[in-house]
Amino acid sequence: MRKIARYSALAAAGLLALSSLTACANDAAGTASSGSKGDGKGTKVKIMVGGLDKVIYLPAMLTQRLGYFDAEGLDVELLSEPAGVQAETALVSGQVQGAVGFYDHTLDLQVKGKHVESVVQFSHAPGEVEIVSTKKADDITSPKDFKGKKLGVTGLGSSTDFLTKYLAVKNGVKVSEFTPVAVGAGPTFISALQQGAIDGGMTTDPTVANILAKKAGKVLLDMRTPAGSQAALGGPYPSSSLYMQTDWVNAHKDTVQKMVNAFVKTLKWMSTHSASEIADKLPADYSQGNKVLYASAIESTLPMFTDDGVMPKNGPETVEKVLKAFNPAVQKADVDLDKTYTTEFVDKVAD
C-alpha cells in the first residue's frame, strides 16, 4: 500500500499560523453581518469556507463586508477551514447550512450517497496554480515529471488533490507513482516548498504571489483563467461555489434565494471594480502587511470569476471527466449532473 507522506513538525507549526489567521477571519466574520431587515436579527445561516483568506473564495467575505447579506435580511456567520474537503465535512455533518468550496465535491458526494448542489457558481476556472520548487524547476517541466515526486495539496481528498491526480494520469503518471502531501496553504505550503518537504504542489493566491515574490518557486501550470483551464483540463472548470444539502435547499428556498441574490450582487460588483478596490474592502490582515502584493494576487485571479453566478456551459461535464480519470468510484457511477447544481435561484436574481 502506498504510504502518504506526513510532515508533522511543519503541520504543527503551520496549524498554529492557520489557527491565528482563521481566528482573525472569524472575528471579522462574526461581527460584520447582523441582518438589517425584519426584527434586526435576520435569518441565521452558517457557512463554512475552505479558507476565508484565499482569493478563490473572496466573494464570501466580500459579500459580508459590502453589506449585501444584511441588505437581504440575513445574519450570516462565516467560518473557515484550511481545505475545501473540511468545509464539505462540516456541511454533510450538519454543522453548517452552506459551504463555499469547489463544485467538484457535489459529484464526489453524490457517488457516496450524499445529495448536495451548487446554488450559485462563482467561477469558470479553478484559480489554481501548479508551482514547482525553484530547486526542482529543471527536473519538473511538465506533469509527465510527477513520477517519484512529493506534491503538495491542501488536504487529502481536496480539490487540489483531485486536480493533481488528474494532471498526473492525463500525462501518463499513475496516482500510485507520486506522493501527495497535505500541507494546507499560505505559510505551511511555502515552508514545505522551501524546506524540500515537497517538490512542488497546487495552491492559490495569495500563496502563489508570495512564493513568486520570495523566488521560492516557479509556475508550471496556471489555471487562474478560462484559457488556462481549457489548456490544462480541456474545458471550463467550475470551481468556487456555494453548495448546500439538497433537502435543506428545498425546505428553505426563500433563504437560499436571498443568499444567491447577495452573492450575485457581489460578483457583479467585482466585475466593475479594480483589484485594489476589492482589496480595500477585505480584512487588513489578509494582505499580510503587503497590500500591493495582495492586490496583484487578486488581479491575477480575477479572470476565474463569473459575473452572474451561472454555471458555465459544459462545466459539469469537464468536472466529471476530470474525476473519472482517476476516481474508481466515479468511474463506476452514473452521475446525475443535473442534481449537482441548480440555476433556479440565479435565474430569479433581478438585474
Protein backbone atom coordinates (compact mmCIF):
# COMPACT_ATOMS: atom_id res chain seq x y z
CA MET A 1 0.00 0.00 0.00
CA ARG A 2 1.31 3.40 -0.94
CA LYS A 3 2.33 5.44 2.06
CA ILE A 4 1.07 9.00 2.39
CA ALA A 5 3.88 11.33 3.38
CA ARG A 6 3.47 13.08 6.67
CA TYR A 7 5.10 16.31 7.62
CA SER A 8 4.23 16.50 11.30
CA ALA A 9 6.56 19.22 12.54
CA LEU A 10 5.62 21.57 9.74
CA ALA A 11 1.95 20.77 10.08
CA ALA A 12 2.02 21.54 13.79
CA ALA A 13 3.74 24.87 13.25
CA GLY A 14 1.51 25.66 10.32
CA LEU A 15 -1.62 24.80 12.23
CA LEU A 16 -0.79 27.49 14.75
CA ALA A 17 -0.35 30.03 11.96
CA LEU A 18 -3.54 28.93 10.25
CA SER A 19 -5.46 28.95 13.52
CA SER A 20 -4.33 32.52 14.15
CA LEU A 21 -5.38 33.66 10.70
CA THR A 22 -8.66 31.76 10.92
CA ALA A 23 -9.41 33.34 14.27
CA CYS A 24 -8.88 36.80 12.78
CA ALA A 25 -11.08 35.93 9.84
CA ASN A 26 -13.79 34.53 12.07
CA ASP A 27 -13.68 37.59 14.31
CA ALA A 28 -14.28 39.76 11.25
CA ALA A 29 -16.99 37.42 10.04
CA GLY A 30 -18.81 37.24 13.34
CA THR A 31 -19.40 40.97 13.60
CA ALA A 32 -19.92 42.07 10.01
CA SER A 33 -23.34 40.64 9.25
CA SER A 34 -26.24 41.41 11.51
CA GLY A 35 -29.28 41.42 9.23
CA SER A 36 -30.91 44.79 8.66
CA LYS A 37 -34.42 43.76 7.73
CA GLY A 38 -37.31 42.46 9.79
CA ASP A 39 -36.54 42.25 13.50
CA GLY A 40 -32.95 43.42 13.03
CA LYS A 41 -31.53 39.97 13.66
CA GLY A 42 -32.16 38.44 10.27
CA THR A 43 -32.31 34.80 9.24
CA LYS A 44 -29.32 32.97 10.72
CA VAL A 45 -27.13 30.99 8.28
CA LYS A 46 -23.73 29.42 8.93
CA ILE A 47 -21.33 28.98 6.01
CA MET A 48 -18.06 27.08 6.17
CA VAL A 49 -15.40 28.35 3.77
CA GLY A 50 -12.42 26.30 2.63
CA GLY A 51 -10.06 29.14 3.57
CA LEU A 52 -11.57 32.59 4.07
CA ASP A 53 -8.33 34.35 3.15
CA LYS A 54 -7.91 32.53 -0.19
CA VAL A 55 -8.57 34.74 -3.19
CA ILE A 56 -10.59 31.98 -4.89
CA TYR A 57 -13.14 32.25 -2.06
CA LEU A 58 -13.09 36.02 -1.53
CA PRO A 59 -16.75 36.52 -2.59
CA ALA A 60 -17.76 35.10 0.81
CA MET A 61 -16.08 37.73 2.97
CA LEU A 62 -16.55 40.46 0.36
CA THR A 63 -20.32 39.93 0.32
CA GLN A 64 -20.36 40.39 4.06
CA ARG A 65 -18.11 43.45 4.02
CA LEU A 66 -20.22 45.10 1.32
CA GLY A 67 -23.31 44.64 3.48
CA TYR A 68 -25.19 42.57 0.93
CA PHE A 69 -26.16 39.83 3.40
CA ASP A 70 -27.56 42.49 5.70
CA ALA A 71 -29.49 44.05 2.83
CA GLU A 72 -31.20 40.71 2.22
CA GLY A 73 -32.13 40.33 5.88
CA LEU A 74 -29.62 37.59 6.56
CA ASP A 75 -27.44 37.06 9.62
CA VAL A 76 -24.57 35.11 8.06
CA GLU A 77 -21.76 33.64 10.13
CA LEU A 78 -18.67 32.80 8.09
CA LEU A 79 -16.42 30.07 9.44
CA SER A 80 -13.11 28.90 8.00
CA GLU A 81 -11.24 25.64 7.47
CA PRO A 82 -7.86 25.35 5.70
CA ALA A 83 -9.15 22.99 2.97
CA GLY A 84 -12.33 22.58 0.96
CA VAL A 85 -12.67 18.94 1.95
CA GLN A 86 -13.05 20.06 5.58
CA ALA A 87 -15.77 22.53 4.59
CA GLU A 88 -17.53 19.63 2.84
CA THR A 89 -17.34 17.55 6.04
CA ALA A 90 -18.83 20.36 8.10
CA LEU A 91 -21.73 20.64 5.65
CA VAL A 92 -22.68 16.96 5.45
CA SER A 93 -22.40 16.59 9.23
CA GLY A 94 -24.93 19.41 9.68
CA GLN A 95 -22.60 21.83 11.45
CA VAL A 96 -23.34 24.50 8.83
CA GLN A 97 -26.05 25.19 6.26
CA GLY A 98 -23.72 26.01 3.37
CA ALA A 99 -20.17 25.51 2.18
CA VAL A 100 -18.08 27.74 -0.03
CA GLY A 101 -15.80 25.35 -1.84
CA PHE A 102 -15.24 23.60 -5.16
CA TYR A 103 -18.19 22.36 -7.17
CA ASP A 104 -16.45 19.01 -7.76
CA HIS A 105 -17.36 17.96 -4.21
CA THR A 106 -21.01 17.73 -5.28
CA LEU A 107 -20.14 14.92 -7.71
CA ASP A 108 -17.84 13.16 -5.28
CA LEU A 109 -20.53 13.26 -2.58
CA GLN A 110 -23.28 12.05 -4.92
CA VAL A 111 -21.46 8.77 -5.57
CA LYS A 112 -21.18 8.41 -1.78
CA GLY A 113 -24.94 8.76 -1.41
CA LYS A 114 -24.93 12.38 -0.22
CA HIS A 115 -27.03 14.87 -2.17
CA VAL A 116 -25.68 18.41 -2.30
CA GLU A 117 -25.92 21.02 -5.02
CA SER A 118 -24.26 24.23 -6.08
CA VAL A 119 -26.80 27.07 -5.87
CA VAL A 120 -24.54 29.85 -7.19
CA GLN A 121 -21.35 29.38 -9.18
CA PHE A 122 -18.59 31.91 -8.51
CA SER A 123 -16.17 30.70 -11.18
CA HIS A 124 -15.48 29.09 -14.54
CA ALA A 125 -11.82 28.20 -13.89
CA PRO A 126 -10.08 26.51 -10.93
CA GLY A 127 -8.00 29.51 -9.86
CA GLU A 128 -5.26 27.00 -9.02
CA VAL A 129 -1.58 27.10 -9.92
CA GLU A 130 0.84 24.18 -10.07
CA ILE A 131 4.06 25.51 -8.57
CA VAL A 132 7.44 23.76 -8.58
CA SER A 133 10.31 24.48 -6.23
CA THR A 134 13.00 26.66 -7.75
CA LYS A 135 15.47 23.89 -6.89
CA LYS A 136 13.39 21.34 -8.83
CA ALA A 137 12.41 23.54 -11.78
CA ASP A 138 14.82 21.76 -14.14
CA ASP A 139 13.54 18.33 -13.06
CA ILE A 140 9.81 19.09 -13.32
CA THR A 141 8.97 20.75 -16.61
CA SER A 142 5.50 19.19 -17.08
CA PRO A 143 3.14 16.84 -15.22
CA LYS A 144 4.92 13.99 -17.03
CA ASP A 145 7.69 14.53 -14.47
CA PHE A 146 5.44 13.96 -11.42
CA LYS A 147 6.62 10.36 -11.12
CA GLY A 148 8.53 9.85 -7.87
CA LYS A 149 7.84 13.39 -6.67
CA LYS A 150 6.28 14.75 -3.48
CA LEU A 151 3.47 17.12 -4.42
CA GLY A 152 1.72 19.45 -2.02
CA VAL A 153 -2.08 19.66 -1.78
CA THR A 154 -4.26 21.48 0.73
CA GLY A 155 -5.66 18.24 2.08
CA LEU A 156 -6.10 14.63 1.02
CA GLY A 157 -9.43 14.37 -0.79
CA SER A 158 -9.41 18.10 -1.52
CA SER A 159 -9.93 19.62 -4.96
CA THR A 160 -6.19 20.29 -5.24
CA ASP A 161 -5.72 16.57 -4.64
CA PHE A 162 -8.30 15.77 -7.35
CA LEU A 163 -6.73 18.10 -9.91
CA THR A 164 -3.18 16.93 -9.17
CA LYS A 165 -4.21 13.32 -9.73
CA TYR A 166 -5.93 14.22 -12.98
CA LEU A 167 -2.91 16.08 -14.33
CA ALA A 168 -0.71 13.11 -13.45
CA VAL A 169 -2.96 10.49 -15.05
CA LYS A 170 -3.56 12.65 -18.13
CA ASN A 171 0.21 12.78 -18.61
CA GLY A 172 0.92 9.09 -18.12
CA VAL A 173 1.76 9.04 -14.40
CA LYS A 174 -0.25 6.71 -12.16
CA VAL A 175 -1.60 8.04 -8.87
CA SER A 176 0.50 5.41 -7.11
CA GLU A 177 3.68 6.79 -8.66
CA PHE A 178 3.81 10.11 -6.79
CA THR A 179 3.19 11.13 -3.19
CA PRO A 180 0.56 13.72 -2.26
CA VAL A 181 1.47 15.69 0.86
CA ALA A 182 -1.17 17.61 2.81
CA VAL A 183 0.43 20.98 3.59
CA GLY A 184 -2.51 23.37 3.59
CA ALA A 185 -1.92 26.81 2.10
CA GLY A 186 -0.11 30.00 2.99
CA PRO A 187 2.86 29.71 5.40
CA THR A 188 2.68 25.92 5.65
CA PHE A 189 2.77 25.43 1.89
CA ILE A 190 5.60 27.93 1.45
CA SER A 191 7.67 26.38 4.24
CA ALA A 192 7.19 22.90 2.79
CA LEU A 193 8.41 24.13 -0.58
CA GLN A 194 11.40 25.97 0.84
CA GLN A 195 12.48 23.13 3.11
CA GLY A 196 12.15 20.40 0.49
CA ALA A 197 9.22 18.58 2.12
CA ILE A 198 7.53 18.90 -1.28
CA ASP A 199 8.99 19.24 -4.76
CA GLY A 200 6.03 21.23 -5.99
CA GLY A 201 2.32 21.49 -5.44
CA MET A 202 -1.01 23.08 -6.21
CA THR A 203 -2.12 26.24 -4.47
CA THR A 204 -3.89 29.56 -4.97
CA ASP A 205 -3.35 33.25 -4.39
CA PRO A 206 -2.18 34.93 -2.24
CA THR A 207 0.14 31.94 -1.62
CA VAL A 208 1.22 31.99 -5.28
CA ALA A 209 2.11 35.67 -5.19
CA ASN A 210 4.15 35.21 -2.01
CA ILE A 211 6.07 32.24 -3.44
CA LEU A 212 6.96 34.16 -6.58
CA ALA A 213 7.98 37.22 -4.55
CA LYS A 214 10.27 35.07 -2.42
CA LYS A 215 11.61 33.34 -5.59
CA ALA A 216 10.87 30.05 -3.83
CA GLY A 217 9.10 28.52 -6.81
CA LYS A 218 8.11 28.81 -10.43
CA VAL A 219 4.74 28.42 -12.19
CA LEU A 220 4.33 25.13 -14.03
CA LEU A 221 0.63 25.38 -14.89
CA ASP A 222 -1.61 28.42 -14.42
CA MET A 223 -5.34 27.68 -14.16
CA ARG A 224 -6.46 31.09 -12.94
CA THR A 225 -8.05 31.96 -16.28
CA PRO A 226 -10.58 30.23 -18.54
CA ALA A 227 -7.83 29.86 -21.15
CA GLY A 228 -5.57 28.19 -18.59
CA SER A 229 -8.39 25.86 -17.58
CA GLN A 230 -9.03 24.95 -21.22
CA ALA A 231 -5.35 24.19 -21.81
CA ALA A 232 -4.86 22.07 -18.68
CA LEU A 233 -8.26 20.43 -18.29
CA GLY A 234 -9.88 20.59 -21.71
CA GLY A 235 -12.75 22.89 -20.84
CA PRO A 236 -14.25 25.33 -18.32
CA TYR A 237 -13.88 24.08 -14.76
CA PRO A 238 -16.49 25.48 -12.37
CA SER A 239 -14.76 25.59 -9.02
CA SER A 240 -15.64 28.06 -6.24
CA SER A 241 -19.31 27.95 -5.41
CA LEU A 242 -21.86 27.97 -2.64
CA TYR A 243 -23.15 24.44 -2.27
CA MET A 244 -25.74 23.14 0.16
CA GLN A 245 -27.58 19.96 1.01
CA THR A 246 -30.42 19.50 -1.47
CA ASP A 247 -33.02 18.75 1.20
CA TRP A 248 -32.12 21.96 3.04
CA VAL A 249 -32.32 23.97 -0.18
CA ASN A 250 -35.79 22.61 -0.98
CA ALA A 251 -37.01 23.37 2.54
CA HIS A 252 -35.57 26.93 2.70
CA LYS A 253 -35.95 28.36 -0.80
CA ASP A 254 -36.63 31.89 0.38
CA THR A 255 -33.42 31.98 2.41
CA VAL A 256 -31.39 30.41 -0.41
CA GLN A 257 -32.74 32.99 -2.85
CA LYS A 258 -31.63 35.81 -0.56
CA MET A 259 -28.15 34.31 -0.30
CA VAL A 260 -27.87 33.92 -4.06
CA ASN A 261 -29.11 37.49 -4.55
CA ALA A 262 -26.33 38.74 -2.27
CA PHE A 263 -23.57 36.68 -3.92
CA VAL A 264 -24.55 37.61 -7.47
CA LYS A 265 -24.61 41.27 -6.47
CA THR A 266 -21.04 40.82 -5.20
CA LEU A 267 -19.89 39.12 -8.40
CA LYS A 268 -21.29 42.00 -10.43
CA TRP A 269 -19.59 44.49 -8.10
CA MET A 270 -16.28 42.66 -8.54
CA SER A 271 -16.60 42.85 -12.33
CA THR A 272 -16.74 46.66 -12.21
CA HIS A 273 -14.07 47.37 -9.58
CA SER A 274 -10.30 47.10 -9.55
CA ALA A 275 -8.23 44.60 -7.61
CA SER A 276 -7.07 47.41 -5.31
CA GLU A 277 -10.65 48.45 -4.60
CA ILE A 278 -11.55 44.85 -3.79
CA ALA A 279 -8.52 44.51 -1.51
CA ASP A 280 -9.54 47.66 0.35
CA LYS A 281 -12.86 46.06 1.30
CA LEU A 282 -11.33 42.93 2.83
CA PRO A 283 -9.87 42.50 6.34
CA ALA A 284 -6.48 44.19 6.68
CA ASP A 285 -4.74 41.02 7.87
CA TYR A 286 -5.48 39.27 4.56
CA SER A 287 -2.72 41.32 2.91
CA GLN A 288 -0.16 40.13 5.50
CA GLY A 289 1.43 43.59 5.55
CA ASN A 290 1.82 43.98 1.78
CA LYS A 291 -1.28 45.48 0.19
CA VAL A 292 0.41 45.96 -3.20
CA LEU A 293 1.32 42.26 -3.42
CA TYR A 294 -2.13 41.24 -2.19
CA ALA A 295 -3.85 43.42 -4.79
CA SER A 296 -1.67 41.88 -7.50
CA ALA A 297 -2.70 38.42 -6.26
CA ILE A 298 -6.37 39.39 -6.60
CA GLU A 299 -5.76 40.83 -10.07
CA SER A 300 -4.13 37.58 -11.23
CA THR A 301 -7.09 35.54 -10.02
CA LEU A 302 -10.00 37.80 -11.07
CA PRO A 303 -10.41 36.16 -14.52
CA MET A 304 -11.64 32.96 -12.85
CA PHE A 305 -14.83 34.60 -11.55
CA THR A 306 -18.20 34.76 -13.27
CA ASP A 307 -20.18 38.00 -13.14
CA ASP A 308 -23.60 36.36 -12.91
CA GLY A 309 -23.29 33.22 -10.78
CA VAL A 310 -24.39 30.99 -13.66
CA MET A 311 -22.93 27.53 -14.18
CA PRO A 312 -20.67 27.71 -17.28
CA LYS A 313 -21.79 25.70 -20.28
CA ASN A 314 -20.15 22.25 -20.36
CA GLY A 315 -18.54 22.94 -16.98
CA PRO A 316 -20.13 19.99 -15.14
CA GLU A 317 -19.06 17.67 -17.95
CA THR A 318 -15.44 18.81 -17.65
CA VAL A 319 -15.50 18.18 -13.89
CA GLU A 320 -16.97 14.71 -14.40
CA LYS A 321 -14.27 13.90 -16.96
CA VAL A 322 -11.55 15.00 -14.55
CA LEU A 323 -12.89 12.90 -11.68
CA LYS A 324 -13.48 9.83 -13.86
CA ALA A 325 -9.83 9.89 -14.95
CA PHE A 326 -8.58 8.72 -11.54
CA ASN A 327 -11.52 8.04 -9.19
CA PRO A 328 -12.78 4.43 -9.44
CA ALA A 329 -15.99 5.26 -7.55
CA VAL A 330 -16.91 7.97 -10.06
CA GLN A 331 -15.83 5.75 -12.98
CA LYS A 332 -18.33 3.10 -11.92
CA ALA A 333 -21.13 5.50 -11.06
CA ASP A 334 -23.81 7.01 -13.26
CA VAL A 335 -23.53 10.58 -12.02
CA ASP A 336 -26.68 12.67 -12.49
CA LEU A 337 -25.10 16.06 -13.23
CA ASP A 338 -28.48 17.81 -13.19
CA LYS A 339 -28.69 17.07 -9.48
CA THR A 340 -25.27 18.56 -8.67
CA TYR A 341 -26.29 22.16 -9.34
CA THR A 342 -29.33 24.32 -9.87
CA THR A 343 -29.89 27.56 -11.77
CA GLU A 344 -33.30 28.08 -10.16
CA PHE A 345 -32.06 30.86 -7.92
CA VAL A 346 -29.61 32.71 -10.21
CA ASP A 347 -32.36 32.78 -12.86
CA LYS A 348 -34.52 34.78 -10.46
CA VAL A 349 -31.92 37.36 -9.48
CA ALA A 350 -33.07 40.84 -10.51
CA ASP A 351 -30.74 42.71 -12.92
